[in-house]
């Protein structure tokens, strides 16, 4: 956007020349005849009859797509369990609490009251097998010998579910309040504050 002065051979910004109100005649040049052919040929052309049919077909196809619910009924679409927002997962599944947690906690209360149930890790292959079954909307039989003999894999699966929640169980929004609550001076004050913050959790997280 600069033009050269013949007297000083120094560039003048276009804004200054505009303020003066005119351009010297030697600085003005018509560019109509110098527009590249490729630019003039790039003007949008009318849609051909063939392309028009294709566009109509695509619009019809998009409108006739099956709903999410129908895809689920046919077994084509699977809802994620692990790594899915808690509220979204419960809304899609229609449950009050995730099935994976319900199954695991019931199993642990019956078979898993052992030392270090949530501290020791289970066998990785068993954890991944359980995860795959729950992600496939199946309810695995936790009473199989493979799981009874490796009770810690069920506890590890619970921890894995909580760890992969996009928004943690106690939520990012209430993190500071929980932090302040557990820092209270006495046990009694700490209990009251934690109870108050828990009441503020979103319903899916509270349940």
N, C-alpha and C. Protein backbone atom coordinates (compact mmCIF):
# COMPACT_ATOMS: atom_id res chain seq x y z
N UNK A 1 0.83 -1.20 0.00
CA UNK A 1 0.00 0.00 0.00
C UNK A 1 0.86 1.25 0.00
N UNK A 2 1.94 1.21 -0.65
CA UNK A 2 2.81 2.40 -0.67
C UNK A 2 3.06 2.81 -2.11
N UNK A 3 3.22 4.12 -2.32
CA UNK A 3 3.56 4.67 -3.63
C UNK A 3 4.88 5.41 -3.50
N UNK A 4 5.64 5.48 -4.58
CA UNK A 4 6.95 6.13 -4.54
C UNK A 4 6.88 7.56 -5.05
N UNK A 5 7.59 8.46 -4.36
CA UNK A 5 7.71 9.85 -4.82
C UNK A 5 8.89 9.93 -5.77
N UNK A 6 8.68 10.53 -6.96
CA UNK A 6 9.77 10.63 -7.95
C UNK A 6 10.85 11.58 -7.47
N UNK A 7 10.50 12.50 -6.57
CA UNK A 7 11.48 13.49 -6.14
C UNK A 7 12.45 12.90 -5.13
N UNK A 8 11.96 12.18 -4.17
CA UNK A 8 12.82 11.70 -3.08
C UNK A 8 12.99 10.19 -3.09
N UNK A 9 12.24 9.52 -3.97
CA UNK A 9 12.33 8.06 -4.05
C UNK A 9 12.08 7.41 -2.69
N UNK A 10 11.14 8.00 -1.90
CA UNK A 10 10.79 7.45 -0.59
C UNK A 10 9.31 7.09 -0.60
N UNK A 11 8.94 6.01 0.09
CA UNK A 11 7.53 5.57 0.07
C UNK A 11 6.63 6.49 0.87
N UNK A 12 5.43 6.76 0.34
CA UNK A 12 4.40 7.50 1.05
C UNK A 12 3.25 6.54 1.36
N UNK A 13 2.86 6.44 2.60
CA UNK A 13 1.71 5.57 2.92
C UNK A 13 0.47 6.04 2.20
N UNK A 14 -0.38 5.07 1.81
CA UNK A 14 -1.61 5.38 1.10
C UNK A 14 -2.52 6.28 1.93
N UNK A 15 -2.51 6.08 3.29
CA UNK A 15 -3.39 6.88 4.15
C UNK A 15 -3.07 8.37 4.05
N UNK A 16 -1.78 8.71 3.91
CA UNK A 16 -1.39 10.13 3.80
C UNK A 16 -1.90 10.71 2.49
N UNK A 17 -1.76 9.93 1.40
CA UNK A 17 -2.21 10.42 0.11
C UNK A 17 -3.73 10.61 0.08
N UNK A 18 -4.42 9.70 0.80
CA UNK A 18 -5.87 9.84 0.86
C UNK A 18 -6.26 11.11 1.59
N UNK A 19 -5.50 11.46 2.64
CA UNK A 19 -5.80 12.68 3.40
C UNK A 19 -5.60 13.93 2.53
N UNK A 20 -4.62 13.88 1.63
CA UNK A 20 -4.38 15.02 0.74
C UNK A 20 -5.59 15.22 -0.17
N UNK A 21 -6.17 14.09 -0.62
CA UNK A 21 -7.41 14.20 -1.39
C UNK A 21 -7.29 13.89 -2.85
N UNK A 22 -6.07 13.60 -3.37
CA UNK A 22 -5.96 13.25 -4.78
C UNK A 22 -4.69 12.44 -4.99
N UNK A 23 -4.61 11.76 -6.12
CA UNK A 23 -3.42 11.03 -6.52
C UNK A 23 -2.82 11.71 -7.75
N UNK A 24 -1.53 11.82 -7.83
CA UNK A 24 -0.92 12.30 -9.09
C UNK A 24 -1.30 11.35 -10.22
N UNK A 25 -1.49 11.91 -11.41
CA UNK A 25 -1.98 11.10 -12.53
C UNK A 25 -1.04 9.95 -12.86
N UNK A 26 0.30 10.18 -12.65
CA UNK A 26 1.24 9.11 -13.01
C UNK A 26 1.16 7.92 -12.03
N UNK A 27 0.49 8.15 -10.89
CA UNK A 27 0.38 7.07 -9.90
C UNK A 27 -0.89 6.25 -10.09
N UNK A 28 -1.77 6.66 -10.99
CA UNK A 28 -3.05 5.98 -11.16
C UNK A 28 -2.98 5.10 -12.39
N UNK A 29 -3.40 3.85 -12.24
CA UNK A 29 -3.38 2.93 -13.37
C UNK A 29 -4.60 2.04 -13.31
N UNK A 30 -5.28 1.89 -14.42
CA UNK A 30 -6.44 1.01 -14.47
C UNK A 30 -5.95 -0.43 -14.55
N UNK A 31 -6.63 -1.30 -13.80
CA UNK A 31 -6.14 -2.68 -13.74
C UNK A 31 -7.10 -3.65 -14.44
N UNK A 32 -8.15 -3.12 -15.08
CA UNK A 32 -9.14 -4.01 -15.70
C UNK A 32 -8.51 -4.97 -16.69
N UNK A 33 -7.56 -4.46 -17.47
CA UNK A 33 -6.97 -5.30 -18.51
C UNK A 33 -5.89 -6.23 -17.97
N UNK A 34 -5.56 -6.07 -16.68
CA UNK A 34 -4.46 -6.88 -16.12
C UNK A 34 -4.94 -7.94 -15.14
N UNK A 35 -6.24 -8.12 -15.04
CA UNK A 35 -6.76 -9.16 -14.16
C UNK A 35 -6.45 -10.52 -14.76
N UNK A 36 -5.80 -11.41 -13.99
CA UNK A 36 -5.45 -12.73 -14.54
C UNK A 36 -6.68 -13.49 -14.99
N UNK A 37 -6.51 -14.30 -16.05
CA UNK A 37 -7.63 -15.08 -16.58
C UNK A 37 -8.18 -16.04 -15.55
N UNK A 38 -7.26 -16.55 -14.69
CA UNK A 38 -7.70 -17.52 -13.68
C UNK A 38 -8.69 -16.92 -12.69
N UNK A 39 -8.54 -15.61 -12.42
CA UNK A 39 -9.44 -14.93 -11.50
C UNK A 39 -10.81 -14.75 -12.13
N UNK A 40 -10.83 -14.32 -13.40
CA UNK A 40 -12.11 -14.10 -14.08
C UNK A 40 -12.86 -15.40 -14.28
N UNK A 41 -12.11 -16.50 -14.39
CA UNK A 41 -12.75 -17.80 -14.59
C UNK A 41 -13.25 -18.41 -13.29
N UNK A 42 -12.91 -17.78 -12.13
CA UNK A 42 -13.27 -18.37 -10.84
C UNK A 42 -14.64 -17.93 -10.36
N UNK A 43 -15.37 -17.18 -11.17
CA UNK A 43 -16.72 -16.76 -10.79
C UNK A 43 -17.60 -17.99 -10.67
N UNK A 44 -18.37 -18.15 -9.57
CA UNK A 44 -19.22 -19.33 -9.39
C UNK A 44 -20.15 -19.55 -10.57
N UNK A 45 -20.19 -20.80 -11.03
CA UNK A 45 -21.04 -21.13 -12.15
C UNK A 45 -22.34 -21.74 -11.64
N UNK A 46 -23.39 -21.66 -12.41
CA UNK A 46 -24.65 -22.26 -11.99
C UNK A 46 -24.47 -23.76 -11.76
N UNK A 47 -25.20 -24.29 -10.78
CA UNK A 47 -25.11 -25.72 -10.48
C UNK A 47 -25.70 -26.50 -11.64
N UNK A 48 -24.94 -27.47 -12.14
CA UNK A 48 -25.43 -28.27 -13.26
C UNK A 48 -26.56 -29.17 -12.81
N UNK A 49 -27.30 -29.69 -13.79
CA UNK A 49 -28.44 -30.56 -13.48
C UNK A 49 -27.97 -31.80 -12.72
N UNK A 50 -26.82 -32.33 -13.13
CA UNK A 50 -26.26 -33.53 -12.50
C UNK A 50 -25.91 -33.25 -11.04
N UNK A 51 -25.23 -32.12 -10.80
CA UNK A 51 -24.86 -31.76 -9.43
C UNK A 51 -26.09 -31.42 -8.59
N UNK A 52 -27.09 -30.83 -9.23
CA UNK A 52 -28.33 -30.52 -8.52
C UNK A 52 -28.99 -31.76 -7.98
N UNK A 53 -28.98 -32.84 -8.78
CA UNK A 53 -29.56 -34.11 -8.33
C UNK A 53 -28.77 -34.68 -7.15
N UNK A 54 -27.45 -34.52 -7.22
CA UNK A 54 -26.60 -35.03 -6.14
C UNK A 54 -26.88 -34.29 -4.84
N UNK A 55 -27.01 -32.96 -4.93
CA UNK A 55 -27.30 -32.16 -3.74
C UNK A 55 -28.66 -32.54 -3.17
N UNK A 56 -29.66 -32.75 -4.03
CA UNK A 56 -30.99 -33.16 -3.57
C UNK A 56 -30.91 -34.51 -2.86
N UNK A 57 -30.12 -35.44 -3.45
CA UNK A 57 -29.97 -36.76 -2.83
C UNK A 57 -29.33 -36.65 -1.45
N UNK A 58 -28.29 -35.83 -1.34
CA UNK A 58 -27.60 -35.68 -0.06
C UNK A 58 -28.52 -35.07 0.99
N UNK A 59 -29.31 -34.08 0.60
CA UNK A 59 -30.26 -33.47 1.54
C UNK A 59 -31.28 -34.49 2.01
N UNK A 60 -31.79 -35.30 1.09
CA UNK A 60 -32.77 -36.34 1.45
C UNK A 60 -32.15 -37.36 2.38
N UNK A 61 -30.88 -37.72 2.08
CA UNK A 61 -30.18 -38.71 2.91
C UNK A 61 -29.99 -38.19 4.33
N UNK A 62 -29.59 -36.92 4.46
CA UNK A 62 -29.36 -36.35 5.78
C UNK A 62 -30.66 -36.28 6.58
N UNK A 63 -31.77 -35.96 5.92
CA UNK A 63 -33.05 -35.86 6.62
C UNK A 63 -33.58 -37.22 7.05
N UNK A 64 -33.20 -38.27 6.29
CA UNK A 64 -33.75 -39.60 6.57
C UNK A 64 -32.85 -40.42 7.50
N UNK A 65 -31.83 -39.81 8.06
CA UNK A 65 -30.94 -40.54 8.97
C UNK A 65 -31.73 -41.02 10.18
N UNK A 66 -31.46 -42.26 10.65
CA UNK A 66 -32.17 -42.76 11.84
C UNK A 66 -31.76 -41.98 13.08
N UNK A 67 -32.65 -41.91 14.04
CA UNK A 67 -32.37 -41.18 15.27
C UNK A 67 -31.37 -41.95 16.12
N UNK A 68 -30.82 -41.25 17.09
CA UNK A 68 -29.86 -41.86 18.01
C UNK A 68 -30.50 -43.03 18.76
N UNK A 69 -31.76 -42.87 19.13
CA UNK A 69 -32.46 -43.92 19.87
C UNK A 69 -32.63 -45.18 19.02
N UNK A 70 -32.96 -45.00 17.72
CA UNK A 70 -33.12 -46.15 16.84
C UNK A 70 -31.80 -46.87 16.62
N UNK A 71 -30.71 -46.11 16.51
CA UNK A 71 -29.40 -46.73 16.34
C UNK A 71 -29.03 -47.55 17.57
N UNK A 72 -29.39 -47.06 18.74
CA UNK A 72 -29.13 -47.80 19.98
C UNK A 72 -29.95 -49.09 20.02
N UNK A 73 -31.22 -49.00 19.61
CA UNK A 73 -32.09 -50.17 19.62
C UNK A 73 -31.58 -51.26 18.68
N UNK A 74 -30.98 -50.85 17.56
CA UNK A 74 -30.44 -51.83 16.61
C UNK A 74 -29.07 -52.35 17.01
N UNK A 75 -28.52 -51.78 18.08
CA UNK A 75 -27.20 -52.24 18.53
C UNK A 75 -26.05 -51.65 17.74
N UNK A 76 -26.34 -50.64 16.90
CA UNK A 76 -25.29 -50.01 16.08
C UNK A 76 -24.52 -48.99 16.89
N UNK A 77 -25.24 -48.22 17.71
CA UNK A 77 -24.61 -47.16 18.50
C UNK A 77 -24.49 -47.61 19.95
N UNK A 78 -23.29 -47.50 20.49
CA UNK A 78 -23.04 -47.83 21.90
C UNK A 78 -22.68 -46.56 22.65
N UNK A 79 -23.31 -46.38 23.82
CA UNK A 79 -22.99 -45.23 24.66
C UNK A 79 -21.71 -45.52 25.45
N UNK A 80 -20.84 -44.54 25.51
CA UNK A 80 -19.63 -44.70 26.31
C UNK A 80 -19.99 -44.76 27.78
N UNK A 81 -19.21 -45.52 28.53
CA UNK A 81 -19.37 -45.58 29.99
C UNK A 81 -18.17 -44.90 30.64
N UNK A 82 -16.99 -45.36 30.32
CA UNK A 82 -15.77 -44.77 30.87
C UNK A 82 -15.39 -43.52 30.07
N UNK A 83 -14.98 -42.48 30.79
CA UNK A 83 -14.57 -41.24 30.13
C UNK A 83 -15.73 -40.38 29.67
N UNK A 84 -16.94 -40.72 30.07
CA UNK A 84 -18.13 -39.94 29.69
C UNK A 84 -18.59 -39.12 30.88
N UNK A 85 -19.10 -37.92 30.62
CA UNK A 85 -19.62 -37.07 31.69
C UNK A 85 -20.69 -37.83 32.47
N UNK A 86 -20.63 -37.76 33.79
CA UNK A 86 -21.52 -38.53 34.64
C UNK A 86 -23.00 -38.23 34.36
N UNK A 87 -23.36 -36.95 34.32
CA UNK A 87 -24.75 -36.57 34.07
C UNK A 87 -25.21 -37.03 32.70
N UNK A 88 -24.35 -36.88 31.68
CA UNK A 88 -24.70 -37.28 30.32
C UNK A 88 -24.90 -38.80 30.25
N UNK A 89 -24.01 -39.54 30.90
CA UNK A 89 -24.12 -41.01 30.89
C UNK A 89 -25.42 -41.48 31.54
N UNK A 90 -25.76 -40.89 32.68
CA UNK A 90 -26.99 -41.30 33.38
C UNK A 90 -28.23 -40.92 32.58
N UNK A 91 -28.18 -39.78 31.90
CA UNK A 91 -29.31 -39.36 31.07
C UNK A 91 -29.52 -40.34 29.92
N UNK A 92 -28.42 -40.76 29.30
CA UNK A 92 -28.51 -41.68 28.17
C UNK A 92 -28.91 -43.09 28.59
N UNK A 93 -28.44 -43.51 29.76
CA UNK A 93 -28.70 -44.88 30.22
C UNK A 93 -30.02 -45.02 30.97
N UNK A 94 -30.51 -43.91 31.53
CA UNK A 94 -31.75 -43.96 32.28
C UNK A 94 -31.58 -44.49 33.70
N UNK A 95 -30.34 -44.59 34.17
CA UNK A 95 -30.06 -45.08 35.52
C UNK A 95 -29.88 -43.93 36.51
N UNK A 96 -30.05 -44.23 37.80
CA UNK A 96 -29.79 -43.23 38.84
C UNK A 96 -28.30 -43.16 39.18
N UNK A 97 -27.65 -44.31 39.12
CA UNK A 97 -26.20 -44.39 39.32
C UNK A 97 -25.65 -45.29 38.22
N UNK A 98 -24.39 -45.12 37.83
CA UNK A 98 -23.83 -45.95 36.76
C UNK A 98 -23.87 -47.44 37.12
N UNK A 99 -24.24 -48.26 36.15
CA UNK A 99 -24.33 -49.70 36.37
C UNK A 99 -22.99 -50.28 36.79
N UNK A 100 -21.91 -49.74 36.23
CA UNK A 100 -20.58 -50.25 36.57
C UNK A 100 -20.30 -50.09 38.06
N UNK A 101 -20.70 -48.97 38.64
CA UNK A 101 -20.47 -48.75 40.08
C UNK A 101 -21.40 -49.61 40.92
N UNK A 102 -22.63 -49.75 40.48
CA UNK A 102 -23.59 -50.57 41.22
C UNK A 102 -23.12 -52.02 41.28
N UNK A 103 -22.72 -52.57 40.13
CA UNK A 103 -22.27 -53.96 40.09
C UNK A 103 -21.01 -54.17 40.92
N UNK A 104 -20.07 -53.25 40.78
CA UNK A 104 -18.79 -53.41 41.48
C UNK A 104 -18.95 -53.27 43.00
N UNK A 105 -19.73 -52.30 43.43
CA UNK A 105 -19.87 -52.10 44.88
C UNK A 105 -20.64 -53.24 45.53
N UNK A 106 -21.65 -53.77 44.83
CA UNK A 106 -22.38 -54.92 45.37
C UNK A 106 -21.45 -56.12 45.50
N UNK A 107 -20.60 -56.31 44.51
CA UNK A 107 -19.64 -57.43 44.55
C UNK A 107 -18.65 -57.25 45.70
N UNK A 108 -18.13 -56.01 45.85
CA UNK A 108 -17.13 -55.74 46.87
C UNK A 108 -17.72 -55.91 48.27
N UNK A 109 -18.96 -55.46 48.47
CA UNK A 109 -19.60 -55.61 49.78
C UNK A 109 -19.81 -57.09 50.14
N UNK A 110 -19.97 -57.92 49.11
CA UNK A 110 -20.21 -59.34 49.36
C UNK A 110 -18.93 -60.17 49.44
N UNK A 111 -17.95 -59.83 48.58
CA UNK A 111 -16.75 -60.67 48.49
C UNK A 111 -15.45 -59.92 48.79
N UNK A 112 -15.50 -58.60 48.78
CA UNK A 112 -14.25 -57.86 48.77
C UNK A 112 -13.83 -57.21 50.07
N UNK A 113 -14.41 -57.64 51.18
CA UNK A 113 -13.99 -57.03 52.45
C UNK A 113 -12.69 -57.69 52.87
N UNK A 114 -11.63 -57.31 52.16
CA UNK A 114 -10.30 -57.85 52.44
C UNK A 114 -9.34 -56.69 52.62
N UNK A 115 -8.21 -56.96 53.15
CA UNK A 115 -7.22 -55.92 53.41
C UNK A 115 -6.72 -55.31 52.09
N UNK A 116 -6.80 -54.00 51.99
CA UNK A 116 -6.26 -53.30 50.82
C UNK A 116 -7.11 -53.38 49.58
N UNK A 117 -8.44 -53.53 49.74
CA UNK A 117 -9.30 -53.71 48.57
C UNK A 117 -9.21 -52.54 47.59
N UNK A 118 -9.08 -51.32 48.09
CA UNK A 118 -8.96 -50.16 47.19
C UNK A 118 -7.53 -49.65 47.09
N UNK A 119 -6.62 -50.33 47.78
CA UNK A 119 -5.22 -49.89 47.76
C UNK A 119 -4.40 -50.71 46.76
N UNK A 120 -4.61 -52.03 46.77
CA UNK A 120 -3.86 -52.91 45.86
C UNK A 120 -4.52 -52.95 44.49
N UNK A 121 -3.73 -53.11 43.47
CA UNK A 121 -4.23 -53.14 42.09
C UNK A 121 -4.47 -54.58 41.64
N UNK A 122 -5.48 -54.74 40.78
CA UNK A 122 -5.76 -56.04 40.21
C UNK A 122 -4.92 -56.29 38.97
N UNK A 123 -5.11 -57.45 38.36
CA UNK A 123 -4.38 -57.81 37.14
C UNK A 123 -4.92 -56.95 35.98
N UNK A 124 -4.01 -56.31 35.25
CA UNK A 124 -4.40 -55.35 34.21
C UNK A 124 -5.32 -55.96 33.16
N UNK A 125 -5.05 -57.19 32.74
CA UNK A 125 -5.87 -57.82 31.70
C UNK A 125 -7.30 -58.04 32.18
N UNK A 126 -7.47 -58.37 33.46
CA UNK A 126 -8.82 -58.56 34.01
C UNK A 126 -9.57 -57.23 34.08
N UNK A 127 -8.84 -56.17 34.46
CA UNK A 127 -9.45 -54.83 34.53
C UNK A 127 -9.93 -54.39 33.15
N UNK A 128 -9.09 -54.59 32.14
CA UNK A 128 -9.45 -54.18 30.78
C UNK A 128 -10.59 -55.01 30.22
N UNK A 129 -10.64 -56.29 30.58
CA UNK A 129 -11.73 -57.14 30.13
C UNK A 129 -13.06 -56.67 30.71
N UNK A 130 -13.06 -56.34 32.00
CA UNK A 130 -14.27 -55.82 32.63
C UNK A 130 -14.68 -54.49 32.02
N UNK A 131 -13.70 -53.65 31.80
CA UNK A 131 -13.99 -52.33 31.21
C UNK A 131 -14.65 -52.49 29.84
N UNK A 132 -14.11 -53.37 29.03
CA UNK A 132 -14.66 -53.58 27.69
C UNK A 132 -16.10 -54.06 27.76
N UNK A 133 -16.40 -54.96 28.69
CA UNK A 133 -17.77 -55.48 28.80
C UNK A 133 -18.74 -54.39 29.22
N UNK A 134 -18.35 -53.57 30.19
CA UNK A 134 -19.24 -52.47 30.61
C UNK A 134 -19.39 -51.44 29.50
N UNK A 135 -18.31 -51.15 28.77
CA UNK A 135 -18.38 -50.19 27.66
C UNK A 135 -19.25 -50.72 26.53
N UNK A 136 -19.40 -52.05 26.45
CA UNK A 136 -20.24 -52.67 25.43
C UNK A 136 -21.68 -52.84 25.93
N UNK A 137 -22.00 -52.16 27.04
CA UNK A 137 -23.34 -52.19 27.63
C UNK A 137 -23.73 -53.59 28.07
N UNK A 138 -22.74 -54.36 28.49
CA UNK A 138 -23.00 -55.68 29.06
C UNK A 138 -22.76 -55.62 30.57
N UNK A 139 -23.37 -56.54 31.30
CA UNK A 139 -23.12 -56.64 32.74
C UNK A 139 -22.38 -57.95 32.98
N UNK A 140 -21.08 -57.87 33.18
CA UNK A 140 -20.30 -59.10 33.32
C UNK A 140 -20.65 -59.85 34.61
N UNK A 141 -20.44 -61.16 34.57
CA UNK A 141 -20.67 -62.00 35.74
C UNK A 141 -19.43 -61.92 36.64
N UNK A 142 -19.51 -61.13 37.68
CA UNK A 142 -18.35 -60.92 38.56
C UNK A 142 -18.11 -62.11 39.49
N UNK A 143 -19.02 -63.08 39.48
CA UNK A 143 -18.82 -64.24 40.37
C UNK A 143 -17.97 -65.33 39.71
N UNK A 144 -17.50 -65.07 38.49
CA UNK A 144 -16.61 -66.04 37.84
C UNK A 144 -15.33 -66.19 38.66
N UNK A 145 -14.74 -67.37 38.59
CA UNK A 145 -13.52 -67.65 39.36
C UNK A 145 -12.42 -66.64 39.06
N UNK A 146 -12.35 -66.22 37.79
CA UNK A 146 -11.27 -65.31 37.41
C UNK A 146 -11.33 -64.01 38.21
N UNK A 147 -12.54 -63.56 38.56
CA UNK A 147 -12.70 -62.33 39.33
C UNK A 147 -12.70 -62.58 40.83
N UNK A 148 -13.26 -63.71 41.23
CA UNK A 148 -13.23 -64.07 42.66
C UNK A 148 -11.78 -64.22 43.13
N UNK A 149 -10.93 -64.78 42.26
CA UNK A 149 -9.53 -64.98 42.61
C UNK A 149 -8.71 -63.70 42.47
N UNK A 150 -9.28 -62.72 41.78
CA UNK A 150 -8.59 -61.42 41.62
C UNK A 150 -9.58 -60.32 42.02
N UNK A 151 -9.97 -60.33 43.27
CA UNK A 151 -10.96 -59.37 43.77
C UNK A 151 -10.50 -57.93 43.55
N UNK A 152 -9.20 -57.70 43.60
CA UNK A 152 -8.69 -56.33 43.49
C UNK A 152 -8.94 -55.71 42.11
N UNK A 153 -9.18 -56.54 41.08
CA UNK A 153 -9.44 -55.97 39.75
C UNK A 153 -10.79 -55.23 39.74
N UNK A 154 -11.73 -55.63 40.60
CA UNK A 154 -13.03 -54.95 40.67
C UNK A 154 -12.87 -53.60 41.36
N UNK A 155 -12.09 -53.58 42.45
CA UNK A 155 -11.81 -52.31 43.12
C UNK A 155 -11.05 -51.37 42.20
N UNK A 156 -10.11 -51.92 41.42
CA UNK A 156 -9.34 -51.10 40.47
C UNK A 156 -10.23 -50.53 39.38
N UNK A 157 -11.26 -51.31 38.97
CA UNK A 157 -12.18 -50.83 37.94
C UNK A 157 -12.97 -49.63 38.45
N UNK A 158 -13.39 -49.68 39.72
CA UNK A 158 -14.10 -48.54 40.32
C UNK A 158 -13.22 -47.29 40.29
N UNK A 159 -11.97 -47.45 40.71
CA UNK A 159 -11.05 -46.30 40.73
C UNK A 159 -10.82 -45.78 39.32
N UNK A 160 -10.74 -46.69 38.34
CA UNK A 160 -10.54 -46.30 36.95
C UNK A 160 -11.72 -45.47 36.45
N UNK A 161 -12.93 -45.89 36.81
CA UNK A 161 -14.12 -45.15 36.37
C UNK A 161 -14.08 -43.71 36.91
N UNK A 162 -13.83 -43.58 38.20
CA UNK A 162 -13.78 -42.23 38.80
C UNK A 162 -12.64 -41.40 38.22
N UNK A 163 -11.51 -42.05 37.97
CA UNK A 163 -10.34 -41.32 37.47
C UNK A 163 -10.57 -40.76 36.07
N UNK A 164 -11.39 -41.43 35.27
CA UNK A 164 -11.58 -41.01 33.88
C UNK A 164 -12.79 -40.09 33.68
N UNK A 165 -13.49 -39.75 34.76
CA UNK A 165 -14.60 -38.80 34.62
C UNK A 165 -14.07 -37.45 34.14
N UNK A 166 -14.64 -36.86 33.09
CA UNK A 166 -14.18 -35.54 32.61
C UNK A 166 -14.28 -34.48 33.71
N UNK A 167 -15.39 -34.50 34.44
CA UNK A 167 -15.56 -33.62 35.59
C UNK A 167 -15.59 -34.53 36.82
N UNK A 168 -14.63 -34.39 37.74
CA UNK A 168 -14.52 -35.33 38.87
C UNK A 168 -15.81 -35.46 39.67
N UNK A 169 -15.89 -36.52 40.46
CA UNK A 169 -17.09 -36.76 41.26
C UNK A 169 -17.42 -35.56 42.14
N UNK A 170 -16.41 -34.95 42.75
CA UNK A 170 -16.65 -33.80 43.62
C UNK A 170 -16.62 -32.49 42.83
N UNK A 171 -16.48 -32.55 41.55
CA UNK A 171 -16.55 -31.46 40.56
C UNK A 171 -15.45 -30.40 40.74
N UNK A 172 -15.02 -29.87 39.61
CA UNK A 172 -14.03 -28.78 39.62
C UNK A 172 -14.62 -27.53 40.27
N UNK A 173 -15.92 -27.34 40.08
CA UNK A 173 -16.57 -26.12 40.57
C UNK A 173 -16.53 -26.02 42.10
N UNK A 174 -16.57 -27.16 42.79
CA UNK A 174 -16.61 -27.16 44.26
C UNK A 174 -15.26 -27.51 44.87
N UNK A 175 -14.23 -27.57 44.05
CA UNK A 175 -12.91 -27.99 44.54
C UNK A 175 -12.43 -27.13 45.70
N UNK A 176 -12.52 -25.82 45.54
CA UNK A 176 -12.04 -24.90 46.58
C UNK A 176 -12.83 -25.08 47.88
N UNK A 177 -14.13 -25.27 47.76
CA UNK A 177 -14.96 -25.43 48.96
C UNK A 177 -14.63 -26.73 49.70
N UNK A 178 -14.40 -27.81 48.96
CA UNK A 178 -14.01 -29.06 49.60
C UNK A 178 -12.63 -28.92 50.25
N UNK A 179 -11.74 -28.21 49.57
CA UNK A 179 -10.40 -28.00 50.11
C UNK A 179 -10.46 -27.23 51.43
N UNK A 180 -11.30 -26.19 51.47
CA UNK A 180 -11.46 -25.42 52.71
C UNK A 180 -12.10 -26.27 53.81
N UNK A 181 -13.05 -27.13 53.43
CA UNK A 181 -13.77 -27.95 54.42
C UNK A 181 -12.83 -28.93 55.12
N UNK A 182 -11.98 -29.60 54.35
CA UNK A 182 -11.09 -30.60 54.96
C UNK A 182 -9.96 -29.94 55.74
N UNK A 183 -9.80 -28.64 55.57
CA UNK A 183 -8.75 -27.91 56.30
C UNK A 183 -9.26 -27.30 57.60
N UNK A 184 -10.50 -27.58 57.96
CA UNK A 184 -11.07 -27.03 59.19
C UNK A 184 -10.27 -27.50 60.41
N UNK A 185 -10.33 -26.71 61.47
CA UNK A 185 -9.47 -26.93 62.65
C UNK A 185 -9.83 -28.21 63.41
N UNK A 186 -11.12 -28.46 63.62
CA UNK A 186 -11.54 -29.61 64.43
C UNK A 186 -12.31 -30.61 63.58
N UNK A 187 -12.40 -31.85 64.08
CA UNK A 187 -13.14 -32.90 63.36
C UNK A 187 -14.62 -32.52 63.21
N UNK A 188 -15.18 -31.94 64.26
CA UNK A 188 -16.60 -31.59 64.23
C UNK A 188 -16.86 -30.51 63.18
N UNK A 189 -16.02 -29.48 63.17
CA UNK A 189 -16.18 -28.41 62.18
C UNK A 189 -15.96 -28.93 60.77
N UNK A 190 -14.99 -29.83 60.62
CA UNK A 190 -14.69 -30.41 59.31
C UNK A 190 -15.89 -31.20 58.79
N UNK A 191 -16.52 -31.97 59.66
CA UNK A 191 -17.68 -32.78 59.28
C UNK A 191 -18.84 -31.90 58.82
N UNK A 192 -19.10 -30.83 59.56
CA UNK A 192 -20.20 -29.93 59.22
C UNK A 192 -19.95 -29.28 57.86
N UNK A 193 -18.73 -28.80 57.64
CA UNK A 193 -18.40 -28.11 56.38
C UNK A 193 -18.47 -29.06 55.18
N UNK A 194 -17.95 -30.28 55.36
CA UNK A 194 -17.99 -31.24 54.26
C UNK A 194 -19.44 -31.60 53.93
N UNK A 195 -20.25 -31.77 54.97
CA UNK A 195 -21.66 -32.07 54.76
C UNK A 195 -22.35 -30.95 53.97
N UNK A 196 -22.04 -29.72 54.29
CA UNK A 196 -22.65 -28.58 53.60
C UNK A 196 -22.26 -28.54 52.12
N UNK A 197 -20.98 -28.83 51.85
CA UNK A 197 -20.52 -28.79 50.45
C UNK A 197 -21.13 -29.94 49.66
N UNK A 198 -21.25 -31.11 50.27
CA UNK A 198 -21.83 -32.26 49.58
C UNK A 198 -23.26 -31.94 49.13
N UNK A 199 -23.99 -31.17 49.92
CA UNK A 199 -25.35 -30.80 49.55
C UNK A 199 -25.39 -29.94 48.29
N UNK A 200 -24.27 -29.33 47.93
CA UNK A 200 -24.22 -28.45 46.76
C UNK A 200 -23.87 -29.19 45.47
N UNK A 201 -23.58 -30.48 45.58
CA UNK A 201 -23.21 -31.26 44.39
C UNK A 201 -24.40 -31.37 43.44
N UNK A 202 -24.15 -31.44 42.13
CA UNK A 202 -25.24 -31.70 41.17
C UNK A 202 -25.87 -33.06 41.50
N UNK A 203 -27.17 -33.24 41.25
CA UNK A 203 -27.86 -34.49 41.63
C UNK A 203 -27.16 -35.78 41.19
N UNK A 204 -26.67 -35.88 39.95
CA UNK A 204 -26.00 -37.14 39.56
C UNK A 204 -24.76 -37.41 40.42
N UNK A 205 -24.00 -36.37 40.72
CA UNK A 205 -22.80 -36.51 41.54
C UNK A 205 -23.17 -36.79 43.00
N UNK A 206 -24.23 -36.18 43.48
CA UNK A 206 -24.66 -36.37 44.87
C UNK A 206 -25.10 -37.81 45.08
N UNK A 207 -25.88 -38.36 44.15
CA UNK A 207 -26.34 -39.74 44.29
C UNK A 207 -25.17 -40.71 44.27
